[in-house]
Amino acid sequence: MKKVISTTNAPAAIGPYSQAIEANGFVFASGQIPVDPATGNVPEGIEGQAEQVMKNMKNLLEAAGTSLDNVVKTTVFIQSMDDFATINGIYSKYFEKECPARSCVEVAKLPKGVLLEMEAIAVK
């Protein structure tokens, strides 16, 4: 059985998908982009965008009844590998111990022209 997770504390889906799905004790969070859910604005620069992505993911997971501490896998899509070290620095503030498995992939383009997107799988 699956349960759709939705919250106003993370950006609304911009297509035919759910913000997250809970199934079999896991939460599968769709890719979060750096849109401030309160204003619809995207922060300037990679630092601000990385912070917003992490806040959005944190809020989405909390709405699902779990947390960043329970994330087992992330995939980070970035516009430029030149931002890898900066993103790692911000990412490490949110995953301080027992970091999840992760893939990081440079992509040509992301929704709304943002610089990064992150999806996650967490245990409940």
N, C-alpha and C. Protein backbone atom coordinates (compact mmCIF):
# COMPACT_ATOMS: atom_id res chain seq x y z
N MET A 1 0.83 -1.18 0.00
CA MET A 1 0.00 0.00 0.00
C MET A 1 0.88 1.25 0.00
N LYS A 2 0.44 2.27 -0.69
CA LYS A 2 1.22 3.49 -0.72
C LYS A 2 0.37 4.66 -0.25
N LYS A 3 1.08 5.67 0.26
CA LYS A 3 0.43 6.88 0.76
C LYS A 3 1.12 8.09 0.13
N VAL A 4 0.32 8.99 -0.40
CA VAL A 4 0.86 10.21 -0.98
C VAL A 4 1.15 11.21 0.14
N ILE A 5 2.34 11.81 0.09
CA ILE A 5 2.75 12.82 1.07
C ILE A 5 2.72 14.17 0.38
N SER A 6 2.12 15.14 1.05
CA SER A 6 2.03 16.49 0.49
C SER A 6 2.15 17.50 1.63
N THR A 7 2.85 18.58 1.38
CA THR A 7 3.00 19.65 2.37
C THR A 7 3.16 21.00 1.67
N THR A 8 2.69 22.02 2.33
CA THR A 8 2.90 23.38 1.82
C THR A 8 4.26 23.94 2.26
N ASN A 9 5.02 23.17 3.06
CA ASN A 9 6.33 23.59 3.54
C ASN A 9 7.47 23.20 2.60
N ALA A 10 7.10 22.67 1.44
CA ALA A 10 8.06 22.37 0.38
C ALA A 10 7.36 22.77 -0.92
N PRO A 11 8.13 23.02 -1.98
CA PRO A 11 7.51 23.44 -3.24
C PRO A 11 6.48 22.42 -3.74
N ALA A 12 5.38 22.92 -4.26
CA ALA A 12 4.36 22.06 -4.84
C ALA A 12 4.91 21.40 -6.10
N ALA A 13 4.37 20.24 -6.42
CA ALA A 13 4.76 19.55 -7.65
C ALA A 13 4.43 20.44 -8.85
N ILE A 14 5.34 20.47 -9.81
CA ILE A 14 5.12 21.30 -11.01
C ILE A 14 4.79 20.41 -12.22
N GLY A 15 4.31 19.22 -11.94
CA GLY A 15 3.95 18.28 -12.99
C GLY A 15 3.12 17.16 -12.40
N PRO A 16 2.89 16.11 -13.17
CA PRO A 16 2.06 15.00 -12.71
C PRO A 16 2.85 14.02 -11.83
N TYR A 17 3.21 14.47 -10.64
CA TYR A 17 3.92 13.61 -9.68
C TYR A 17 3.59 14.07 -8.27
N SER A 18 3.89 13.23 -7.30
CA SER A 18 3.67 13.55 -5.89
C SER A 18 4.96 14.09 -5.29
N GLN A 19 4.83 14.92 -4.25
CA GLN A 19 6.02 15.41 -3.57
C GLN A 19 6.80 14.24 -2.97
N ALA A 20 6.07 13.28 -2.41
CA ALA A 20 6.70 12.08 -1.86
C ALA A 20 5.65 10.98 -1.79
N ILE A 21 6.14 9.75 -1.72
CA ILE A 21 5.30 8.57 -1.55
C ILE A 21 5.87 7.74 -0.42
N GLU A 22 4.99 7.33 0.49
CA GLU A 22 5.38 6.40 1.55
C GLU A 22 4.91 5.01 1.13
N ALA A 23 5.81 4.03 1.20
CA ALA A 23 5.47 2.65 0.86
C ALA A 23 6.42 1.69 1.57
N ASN A 24 5.85 0.66 2.16
CA ASN A 24 6.64 -0.42 2.79
C ASN A 24 7.71 0.09 3.75
N GLY A 25 7.39 1.11 4.53
CA GLY A 25 8.33 1.61 5.53
C GLY A 25 9.37 2.59 5.00
N PHE A 26 9.25 2.96 3.75
CA PHE A 26 10.17 3.92 3.15
C PHE A 26 9.41 5.15 2.68
N VAL A 27 10.12 6.27 2.62
CA VAL A 27 9.59 7.49 2.02
C VAL A 27 10.48 7.81 0.82
N PHE A 28 9.85 7.92 -0.34
CA PHE A 28 10.53 8.24 -1.58
C PHE A 28 10.20 9.69 -1.92
N ALA A 29 11.16 10.57 -1.71
CA ALA A 29 10.94 12.01 -1.92
C ALA A 29 11.36 12.40 -3.33
N SER A 30 10.44 13.04 -4.03
CA SER A 30 10.74 13.55 -5.37
C SER A 30 11.84 14.61 -5.27
N GLY A 31 12.45 14.89 -6.40
CA GLY A 31 13.50 15.89 -6.44
C GLY A 31 13.03 17.24 -5.93
N GLN A 32 13.79 17.78 -5.01
CA GLN A 32 13.50 19.10 -4.45
C GLN A 32 14.42 20.11 -5.11
N ILE A 33 13.80 21.18 -5.60
CA ILE A 33 14.58 22.28 -6.18
C ILE A 33 14.53 23.46 -5.21
N PRO A 34 15.40 24.44 -5.39
CA PRO A 34 15.51 25.54 -4.42
C PRO A 34 14.47 26.64 -4.57
N VAL A 35 13.22 26.26 -4.55
CA VAL A 35 12.13 27.24 -4.58
C VAL A 35 11.65 27.43 -3.15
N ASP A 36 11.60 28.66 -2.68
CA ASP A 36 11.05 28.96 -1.37
C ASP A 36 9.53 28.75 -1.45
N PRO A 37 8.98 27.79 -0.70
CA PRO A 37 7.56 27.50 -0.83
C PRO A 37 6.66 28.65 -0.38
N ALA A 38 7.16 29.54 0.44
CA ALA A 38 6.36 30.67 0.93
C ALA A 38 6.24 31.78 -0.11
N THR A 39 7.31 31.97 -0.89
CA THR A 39 7.33 33.10 -1.83
C THR A 39 7.37 32.70 -3.30
N GLY A 40 7.81 31.47 -3.56
CA GLY A 40 7.99 31.02 -4.94
C GLY A 40 9.30 31.49 -5.55
N ASN A 41 10.12 32.19 -4.76
CA ASN A 41 11.39 32.71 -5.25
C ASN A 41 12.50 31.66 -5.18
N VAL A 42 13.50 31.82 -6.03
CA VAL A 42 14.69 30.98 -6.03
C VAL A 42 15.85 31.85 -5.54
N PRO A 43 16.57 31.41 -4.51
CA PRO A 43 17.71 32.20 -4.02
C PRO A 43 18.79 32.37 -5.08
N GLU A 44 19.56 33.42 -4.95
CA GLU A 44 20.69 33.68 -5.84
C GLU A 44 21.85 32.76 -5.44
N GLY A 45 22.60 32.29 -6.40
CA GLY A 45 23.86 31.58 -6.15
C GLY A 45 23.71 30.18 -5.61
N ILE A 46 24.80 29.44 -5.72
CA ILE A 46 24.79 28.02 -5.33
C ILE A 46 24.61 27.83 -3.83
N GLU A 47 25.20 28.71 -3.00
CA GLU A 47 25.06 28.54 -1.55
C GLU A 47 23.60 28.66 -1.12
N GLY A 48 22.95 29.74 -1.54
CA GLY A 48 21.56 29.95 -1.18
C GLY A 48 20.65 28.87 -1.72
N GLN A 49 20.93 28.41 -2.94
CA GLN A 49 20.11 27.37 -3.53
C GLN A 49 20.30 26.03 -2.82
N ALA A 50 21.53 25.71 -2.46
CA ALA A 50 21.79 24.45 -1.75
C ALA A 50 21.11 24.46 -0.38
N GLU A 51 21.18 25.57 0.32
CA GLU A 51 20.50 25.69 1.62
C GLU A 51 18.99 25.49 1.46
N GLN A 52 18.40 26.10 0.43
CA GLN A 52 16.96 25.99 0.23
C GLN A 52 16.54 24.56 -0.12
N VAL A 53 17.34 23.88 -0.94
CA VAL A 53 17.05 22.49 -1.27
C VAL A 53 17.04 21.64 0.01
N MET A 54 18.03 21.85 0.86
CA MET A 54 18.10 21.05 2.09
C MET A 54 16.93 21.36 3.02
N LYS A 55 16.54 22.62 3.12
CA LYS A 55 15.38 22.99 3.94
C LYS A 55 14.11 22.35 3.38
N ASN A 56 13.95 22.40 2.07
CA ASN A 56 12.77 21.81 1.45
C ASN A 56 12.70 20.30 1.71
N MET A 57 13.84 19.63 1.58
CA MET A 57 13.86 18.18 1.82
C MET A 57 13.56 17.88 3.28
N LYS A 58 14.14 18.64 4.18
CA LYS A 58 13.89 18.47 5.61
C LYS A 58 12.40 18.61 5.90
N ASN A 59 11.78 19.66 5.37
CA ASN A 59 10.35 19.89 5.60
C ASN A 59 9.48 18.80 5.01
N LEU A 60 9.84 18.33 3.83
CA LEU A 60 9.07 17.28 3.18
C LEU A 60 9.15 15.97 3.98
N LEU A 61 10.35 15.62 4.41
CA LEU A 61 10.51 14.39 5.19
C LEU A 61 9.78 14.47 6.53
N GLU A 62 9.83 15.63 7.16
CA GLU A 62 9.11 15.81 8.42
C GLU A 62 7.60 15.68 8.21
N ALA A 63 7.09 16.17 7.09
CA ALA A 63 5.67 16.03 6.78
C ALA A 63 5.29 14.56 6.60
N ALA A 64 6.27 13.75 6.21
CA ALA A 64 6.05 12.31 6.03
C ALA A 64 6.25 11.53 7.32
N GLY A 65 6.64 12.23 8.39
CA GLY A 65 6.85 11.56 9.67
C GLY A 65 8.22 10.94 9.84
N THR A 66 9.19 11.44 9.09
CA THR A 66 10.56 10.97 9.23
C THR A 66 11.48 12.19 9.26
N SER A 67 12.77 12.00 9.00
CA SER A 67 13.70 13.13 9.08
C SER A 67 14.94 12.87 8.23
N LEU A 68 15.76 13.88 8.13
CA LEU A 68 17.03 13.73 7.42
C LEU A 68 17.90 12.65 8.07
N ASP A 69 17.76 12.44 9.38
CA ASP A 69 18.54 11.41 10.06
C ASP A 69 18.23 10.01 9.54
N ASN A 70 17.07 9.84 8.93
CA ASN A 70 16.64 8.53 8.44
C ASN A 70 16.83 8.34 6.95
N VAL A 71 17.50 9.28 6.30
CA VAL A 71 17.74 9.17 4.86
C VAL A 71 18.81 8.10 4.62
N VAL A 72 18.52 7.20 3.69
CA VAL A 72 19.47 6.13 3.35
C VAL A 72 20.15 6.35 2.01
N LYS A 73 19.53 7.17 1.13
CA LYS A 73 20.10 7.40 -0.20
C LYS A 73 19.64 8.74 -0.73
N THR A 74 20.55 9.49 -1.31
CA THR A 74 20.20 10.72 -2.03
C THR A 74 20.81 10.67 -3.42
N THR A 75 20.19 11.41 -4.30
CA THR A 75 20.78 11.68 -5.62
C THR A 75 20.74 13.18 -5.78
N VAL A 76 21.90 13.75 -6.07
CA VAL A 76 22.02 15.20 -6.25
C VAL A 76 22.36 15.46 -7.71
N PHE A 77 21.55 16.28 -8.33
CA PHE A 77 21.77 16.68 -9.71
C PHE A 77 22.27 18.11 -9.68
N ILE A 78 23.44 18.36 -10.29
CA ILE A 78 24.00 19.71 -10.26
C ILE A 78 24.30 20.19 -11.68
N GLN A 79 24.19 21.48 -11.85
CA GLN A 79 24.42 22.09 -13.16
C GLN A 79 25.91 22.10 -13.50
N SER A 80 26.78 22.19 -12.47
CA SER A 80 28.21 22.27 -12.73
C SER A 80 29.00 21.56 -11.62
N MET A 81 29.90 20.68 -12.01
CA MET A 81 30.77 20.02 -11.04
C MET A 81 31.69 21.02 -10.35
N ASP A 82 31.81 22.22 -10.89
CA ASP A 82 32.60 23.26 -10.23
C ASP A 82 31.98 23.64 -8.88
N ASP A 83 30.68 23.35 -8.69
CA ASP A 83 29.99 23.66 -7.43
C ASP A 83 30.02 22.52 -6.44
N PHE A 84 30.66 21.41 -6.79
CA PHE A 84 30.66 20.20 -5.97
C PHE A 84 31.13 20.46 -4.54
N ALA A 85 32.25 21.13 -4.35
CA ALA A 85 32.80 21.38 -3.01
C ALA A 85 31.86 22.27 -2.19
N THR A 86 31.29 23.28 -2.80
CA THR A 86 30.37 24.17 -2.09
C THR A 86 29.13 23.41 -1.65
N ILE A 87 28.58 22.61 -2.54
CA ILE A 87 27.40 21.80 -2.21
C ILE A 87 27.74 20.82 -1.09
N ASN A 88 28.91 20.18 -1.15
CA ASN A 88 29.33 19.25 -0.09
C ASN A 88 29.37 19.94 1.26
N GLY A 89 29.87 21.17 1.30
CA GLY A 89 29.95 21.90 2.56
C GLY A 89 28.58 22.13 3.17
N ILE A 90 27.61 22.51 2.37
CA ILE A 90 26.26 22.75 2.88
C ILE A 90 25.57 21.43 3.20
N TYR A 91 25.71 20.45 2.34
CA TYR A 91 25.14 19.11 2.54
C TYR A 91 25.61 18.52 3.87
N SER A 92 26.89 18.69 4.17
CA SER A 92 27.47 18.11 5.39
C SER A 92 26.93 18.76 6.67
N LYS A 93 26.37 19.96 6.59
CA LYS A 93 25.74 20.59 7.76
C LYS A 93 24.43 19.88 8.11
N TYR A 94 23.80 19.28 7.13
CA TYR A 94 22.52 18.61 7.34
C TYR A 94 22.69 17.11 7.57
N PHE A 95 23.77 16.54 7.07
CA PHE A 95 24.09 15.12 7.28
C PHE A 95 25.44 15.05 7.97
N GLU A 96 25.42 15.19 9.30
CA GLU A 96 26.67 15.29 10.07
C GLU A 96 27.26 13.93 10.43
N LYS A 97 26.41 12.94 10.65
CA LYS A 97 26.91 11.61 11.02
C LYS A 97 26.08 10.58 10.28
N GLU A 98 26.64 9.41 10.09
CA GLU A 98 25.96 8.35 9.36
C GLU A 98 25.34 8.89 8.08
N CYS A 99 26.18 9.46 7.25
CA CYS A 99 25.71 10.05 6.00
C CYS A 99 25.09 8.98 5.11
N PRO A 100 24.04 9.36 4.36
CA PRO A 100 23.42 8.40 3.45
C PRO A 100 24.32 8.10 2.25
N ALA A 101 24.01 7.00 1.57
CA ALA A 101 24.65 6.74 0.28
C ALA A 101 24.23 7.88 -0.65
N ARG A 102 25.08 8.22 -1.62
CA ARG A 102 24.76 9.36 -2.48
C ARG A 102 25.35 9.19 -3.86
N SER A 103 24.61 9.66 -4.83
CA SER A 103 25.11 9.84 -6.18
C SER A 103 25.04 11.33 -6.47
N CYS A 104 26.00 11.83 -7.22
CA CYS A 104 25.99 13.24 -7.63
C CYS A 104 26.31 13.27 -9.11
N VAL A 105 25.40 13.88 -9.86
CA VAL A 105 25.50 13.85 -11.31
C VAL A 105 25.39 15.26 -11.88
N GLU A 106 26.30 15.59 -12.78
CA GLU A 106 26.19 16.87 -13.50
C GLU A 106 25.19 16.68 -14.64
N VAL A 107 24.27 17.63 -14.75
CA VAL A 107 23.24 17.58 -15.79
C VAL A 107 23.26 18.86 -16.61
N ALA A 108 22.69 18.80 -17.79
CA ALA A 108 22.69 19.95 -18.68
C ALA A 108 21.71 21.04 -18.25
N LYS A 109 20.56 20.63 -17.73
CA LYS A 109 19.53 21.61 -17.40
C LYS A 109 18.61 21.04 -16.33
N LEU A 110 18.11 21.95 -15.46
CA LEU A 110 17.18 21.57 -14.40
C LEU A 110 15.94 22.46 -14.48
N PRO A 111 14.83 22.01 -13.87
CA PRO A 111 13.60 22.82 -13.91
C PRO A 111 13.83 24.24 -13.39
N LYS A 112 13.18 25.19 -14.02
CA LYS A 112 13.21 26.60 -13.63
C LYS A 112 14.61 27.20 -13.67
N GLY A 113 15.55 26.54 -14.33
CA GLY A 113 16.90 27.06 -14.45
C GLY A 113 17.71 27.03 -13.17
N VAL A 114 17.31 26.19 -12.19
CA VAL A 114 18.02 26.14 -10.91
C VAL A 114 19.37 25.44 -11.08
N LEU A 115 20.20 25.55 -10.06
CA LEU A 115 21.56 25.02 -10.13
C LEU A 115 21.70 23.62 -9.56
N LEU A 116 20.71 23.16 -8.77
CA LEU A 116 20.76 21.80 -8.23
C LEU A 116 19.37 21.32 -7.86
N GLU A 117 19.27 20.00 -7.75
CA GLU A 117 18.05 19.32 -7.34
C GLU A 117 18.48 18.08 -6.56
N MET A 118 17.70 17.70 -5.55
CA MET A 118 18.05 16.51 -4.77
C MET A 118 16.81 15.68 -4.50
N GLU A 119 16.94 14.37 -4.70
CA GLU A 119 15.89 13.44 -4.32
C GLU A 119 16.44 12.56 -3.20
N ALA A 120 15.53 11.92 -2.45
CA ALA A 120 15.99 11.12 -1.31
C ALA A 120 15.05 9.95 -1.05
N ILE A 121 15.62 8.93 -0.41
CA ILE A 121 14.86 7.80 0.11
C ILE A 121 15.18 7.73 1.60
N ALA A 122 14.14 7.66 2.41
CA ALA A 122 14.32 7.60 3.88
C ALA A 122 13.50 6.44 4.44
N VAL A 123 13.96 5.92 5.57
CA VAL A 123 13.16 4.93 6.29
C VAL A 123 12.23 5.67 7.23
N LYS A 124 11.13 5.06 7.52
CA LYS A 124 10.13 5.71 8.40
C LYS A 124 10.31 5.19 9.81
